[in-house]
Amino acid sequence: MKIEIDSPAKINLTLDIIKKRKDNYHELEMIMQELELKDKIELKEIKENTIKIKSNSKQIPLNEKNLVWKAAKKSKKTKKLK
């Protein structure tokens, strides 16, 4: 199974940090403008019990520092996926 998702780019016109949460993320208040640029996200099952991230940018971490990796790990745990 494969799922493809477009993830539109945005620019923050304002961004205010409201407070720091217990999970070390921040509550934010912002005004955003969506742009015509977008990332394409492709999700597909693999035989290995692992998470793989690919990117054409050398600046993007492909390990547990990546927010996509963190979301995939949490989804695997929450949904009891392999």
N, C-alpha and C. Protein backbone atom coordinates (compact mmCIF):
# COMPACT_ATOMS: atom_id res chain seq x y z
N MET A 1 0.85 -1.18 0.00
CA MET A 1 0.00 0.00 0.00
C MET A 1 0.89 1.24 0.00
N LYS A 2 0.49 2.26 -0.76
CA LYS A 2 1.23 3.51 -0.82
C LYS A 2 0.26 4.69 -0.74
N ILE A 3 0.62 5.69 0.05
CA ILE A 3 -0.18 6.91 0.19
C ILE A 3 0.71 8.08 -0.19
N GLU A 4 0.22 8.98 -1.05
CA GLU A 4 0.96 10.18 -1.41
C GLU A 4 0.19 11.40 -0.91
N ILE A 5 0.92 12.32 -0.28
CA ILE A 5 0.33 13.51 0.32
C ILE A 5 1.13 14.73 -0.11
N ASP A 6 0.44 15.81 -0.49
CA ASP A 6 1.11 17.08 -0.74
C ASP A 6 1.12 17.87 0.57
N SER A 7 2.27 18.43 0.88
CA SER A 7 2.41 19.23 2.10
C SER A 7 2.80 20.66 1.69
N PRO A 8 1.83 21.59 1.65
CA PRO A 8 2.11 22.94 1.17
C PRO A 8 3.08 23.70 2.08
N ALA A 9 3.91 24.49 1.44
CA ALA A 9 4.82 25.36 2.20
C ALA A 9 4.02 26.53 2.76
N LYS A 10 4.56 27.13 3.80
CA LYS A 10 3.92 28.31 4.39
C LYS A 10 5.01 29.25 4.87
N ILE A 11 4.61 30.49 5.05
CA ILE A 11 5.52 31.46 5.65
C ILE A 11 4.80 32.05 6.86
N ASN A 12 5.52 32.17 7.96
CA ASN A 12 4.94 32.76 9.16
C ASN A 12 5.08 34.28 9.08
N LEU A 13 3.95 34.97 9.08
CA LEU A 13 3.97 36.43 9.08
C LEU A 13 4.21 36.94 10.50
N THR A 14 3.67 36.23 11.47
CA THR A 14 3.98 36.50 12.88
C THR A 14 4.08 35.15 13.58
N LEU A 15 4.88 35.09 14.62
CA LEU A 15 5.01 33.87 15.39
C LEU A 15 5.36 34.26 16.83
N ASP A 16 4.45 33.97 17.73
CA ASP A 16 4.66 34.28 19.14
C ASP A 16 4.68 32.99 19.95
N ILE A 17 5.67 32.85 20.81
CA ILE A 17 5.74 31.71 21.72
C ILE A 17 4.92 32.05 22.95
N ILE A 18 3.89 31.26 23.20
CA ILE A 18 2.98 31.52 24.32
C ILE A 18 3.55 30.93 25.61
N LYS A 19 3.94 29.64 25.55
CA LYS A 19 4.52 29.00 26.73
C LYS A 19 5.21 27.71 26.31
N LYS A 20 6.10 27.23 27.14
CA LYS A 20 6.77 25.96 26.93
C LYS A 20 5.94 24.87 27.60
N ARG A 21 5.75 23.76 26.86
CA ARG A 21 4.97 22.65 27.39
C ARG A 21 5.87 21.67 28.13
N LYS A 22 5.27 20.76 28.85
CA LYS A 22 6.02 19.76 29.60
C LYS A 22 6.80 18.82 28.70
N ASP A 23 6.35 18.64 27.43
CA ASP A 23 7.04 17.76 26.49
C ASP A 23 8.16 18.48 25.73
N ASN A 24 8.52 19.68 26.17
CA ASN A 24 9.58 20.52 25.61
C ASN A 24 9.23 21.17 24.28
N TYR A 25 7.99 21.00 23.80
CA TYR A 25 7.52 21.77 22.65
C TYR A 25 6.92 23.06 23.18
N HIS A 26 6.52 23.96 22.29
CA HIS A 26 5.98 25.26 22.70
C HIS A 26 4.57 25.45 22.17
N GLU A 27 3.74 26.12 22.96
CA GLU A 27 2.45 26.60 22.49
C GLU A 27 2.73 27.85 21.66
N LEU A 28 2.19 27.90 20.44
CA LEU A 28 2.47 29.00 19.54
C LEU A 28 1.19 29.70 19.11
N GLU A 29 1.32 30.96 18.79
CA GLU A 29 0.25 31.72 18.16
C GLU A 29 0.87 32.35 16.93
N MET A 30 0.25 32.14 15.75
CA MET A 30 0.89 32.63 14.55
C MET A 30 -0.12 32.97 13.47
N ILE A 31 0.33 33.79 12.55
CA ILE A 31 -0.41 34.09 11.33
C ILE A 31 0.46 33.57 10.19
N MET A 32 -0.14 32.69 9.37
CA MET A 32 0.61 32.04 8.30
C MET A 32 -0.01 32.35 6.94
N GLN A 33 0.84 32.31 5.92
CA GLN A 33 0.38 32.42 4.54
C GLN A 33 0.88 31.19 3.79
N GLU A 34 -0.04 30.46 3.17
CA GLU A 34 0.34 29.29 2.39
C GLU A 34 0.97 29.75 1.07
N LEU A 35 1.95 28.98 0.59
CA LEU A 35 2.63 29.29 -0.66
C LEU A 35 2.31 28.23 -1.71
N GLU A 36 2.69 28.48 -2.94
CA GLU A 36 2.44 27.49 -4.00
C GLU A 36 3.47 26.36 -3.97
N LEU A 37 4.57 26.52 -3.24
CA LEU A 37 5.56 25.46 -3.11
C LEU A 37 5.00 24.35 -2.24
N LYS A 38 5.49 23.12 -2.47
CA LYS A 38 5.02 22.03 -1.63
C LYS A 38 6.03 20.89 -1.63
N ASP A 39 5.99 20.12 -0.55
CA ASP A 39 6.72 18.86 -0.47
C ASP A 39 5.75 17.76 -0.82
N LYS A 40 6.27 16.70 -1.39
CA LYS A 40 5.47 15.51 -1.63
C LYS A 40 5.89 14.46 -0.61
N ILE A 41 4.94 13.96 0.13
CA ILE A 41 5.20 12.95 1.15
C ILE A 41 4.61 11.63 0.65
N GLU A 42 5.42 10.59 0.68
CA GLU A 42 4.98 9.28 0.25
C GLU A 42 5.16 8.30 1.40
N LEU A 43 4.08 7.65 1.78
CA LEU A 43 4.12 6.64 2.83
C LEU A 43 3.86 5.29 2.21
N LYS A 44 4.71 4.33 2.53
CA LYS A 44 4.46 2.98 2.02
C LYS A 44 4.98 1.95 3.00
N GLU A 45 4.34 0.81 2.97
CA GLU A 45 4.74 -0.31 3.83
C GLU A 45 6.06 -0.89 3.33
N ILE A 46 6.89 -1.29 4.27
CA ILE A 46 8.12 -2.00 3.93
C ILE A 46 8.17 -3.26 4.78
N LYS A 47 8.93 -4.23 4.34
CA LYS A 47 8.98 -5.51 5.06
C LYS A 47 9.71 -5.40 6.39
N GLU A 48 10.72 -4.55 6.45
CA GLU A 48 11.50 -4.42 7.68
C GLU A 48 10.69 -3.67 8.74
N ASN A 49 10.94 -3.97 10.00
CA ASN A 49 10.31 -3.27 11.11
C ASN A 49 11.17 -2.06 11.45
N THR A 50 11.14 -1.06 10.58
CA THR A 50 11.98 0.12 10.74
C THR A 50 11.31 1.32 10.09
N ILE A 51 11.92 2.48 10.23
CA ILE A 51 11.44 3.71 9.60
C ILE A 51 12.55 4.19 8.68
N LYS A 52 12.21 4.45 7.42
CA LYS A 52 13.18 4.96 6.45
C LYS A 52 12.69 6.28 5.91
N ILE A 53 13.58 7.26 5.87
CA ILE A 53 13.26 8.57 5.32
C ILE A 53 14.24 8.84 4.19
N LYS A 54 13.71 9.34 3.06
CA LYS A 54 14.56 9.72 1.93
C LYS A 54 14.29 11.19 1.61
N SER A 55 15.33 11.89 1.18
CA SER A 55 15.18 13.29 0.81
C SER A 55 16.23 13.64 -0.23
N ASN A 56 15.92 14.62 -1.06
CA ASN A 56 16.91 15.09 -2.03
C ASN A 56 17.74 16.25 -1.46
N SER A 57 17.53 16.58 -0.20
CA SER A 57 18.28 17.65 0.47
C SER A 57 19.25 17.06 1.49
N LYS A 58 20.47 17.47 1.43
CA LYS A 58 21.49 17.01 2.39
C LYS A 58 21.30 17.69 3.76
N GLN A 59 20.48 18.74 3.83
CA GLN A 59 20.28 19.49 5.07
C GLN A 59 19.23 18.87 5.98
N ILE A 60 18.49 17.91 5.48
CA ILE A 60 17.41 17.30 6.26
C ILE A 60 17.92 16.04 6.94
N PRO A 61 17.80 15.96 8.27
CA PRO A 61 18.23 14.73 8.96
C PRO A 61 17.31 13.57 8.60
N LEU A 62 17.90 12.41 8.41
CA LEU A 62 17.13 11.23 8.02
C LEU A 62 17.01 10.22 9.16
N ASN A 63 17.13 10.73 10.41
CA ASN A 63 17.10 9.85 11.59
C ASN A 63 16.07 10.37 12.59
N GLU A 64 16.20 9.96 13.83
CA GLU A 64 15.22 10.32 14.87
C GLU A 64 15.16 11.81 15.18
N LYS A 65 16.04 12.63 14.63
CA LYS A 65 15.97 14.08 14.82
C LYS A 65 14.91 14.71 13.91
N ASN A 66 14.46 13.97 12.90
CA ASN A 66 13.50 14.45 11.93
C ASN A 66 12.08 14.33 12.49
N LEU A 67 11.27 15.38 12.36
CA LEU A 67 9.89 15.34 12.88
C LEU A 67 9.04 14.28 12.20
N VAL A 68 9.30 14.00 10.93
CA VAL A 68 8.57 12.95 10.23
C VAL A 68 8.90 11.59 10.86
N TRP A 69 10.16 11.39 11.18
CA TRP A 69 10.58 10.14 11.83
C TRP A 69 9.86 10.00 13.18
N LYS A 70 9.82 11.09 13.95
CA LYS A 70 9.15 11.05 15.26
C LYS A 70 7.66 10.75 15.11
N ALA A 71 7.02 11.36 14.10
CA ALA A 71 5.59 11.11 13.88
C ALA A 71 5.35 9.67 13.45
N ALA A 72 6.23 9.14 12.60
CA ALA A 72 6.10 7.75 12.16
C ALA A 72 6.25 6.79 13.34
N LYS A 73 7.23 7.06 14.21
CA LYS A 73 7.44 6.21 15.37
C LYS A 73 6.22 6.22 16.29
N LYS A 74 5.68 7.42 16.51
CA LYS A 74 4.50 7.53 17.38
C LYS A 74 3.29 6.84 16.75
N SER A 75 3.13 6.98 15.43
CA SER A 75 2.02 6.31 14.74
C SER A 75 2.16 4.80 14.81
N LYS A 76 3.38 4.31 14.62
CA LYS A 76 3.61 2.86 14.70
C LYS A 76 3.21 2.34 16.08
N LYS A 77 3.59 3.09 17.12
CA LYS A 77 3.30 2.66 18.49
C LYS A 77 1.80 2.76 18.79
N THR A 78 1.19 3.89 18.43
CA THR A 78 -0.22 4.14 18.71
C THR A 78 -1.12 3.17 17.95
N LYS A 79 -0.79 2.94 16.70
CA LYS A 79 -1.63 2.09 15.84
C LYS A 79 -1.17 0.63 15.84
N LYS A 80 -0.13 0.35 16.62
CA LYS A 80 0.42 -1.01 16.73
C LYS A 80 0.80 -1.56 15.37
N LEU A 81 1.52 -0.73 14.60
CA LEU A 81 2.00 -1.12 13.28
C LEU A 81 3.39 -1.71 13.40
N LYS A 82 3.77 -2.53 12.45
CA LYS A 82 5.13 -3.10 12.43
C LYS A 82 6.10 -2.11 11.85
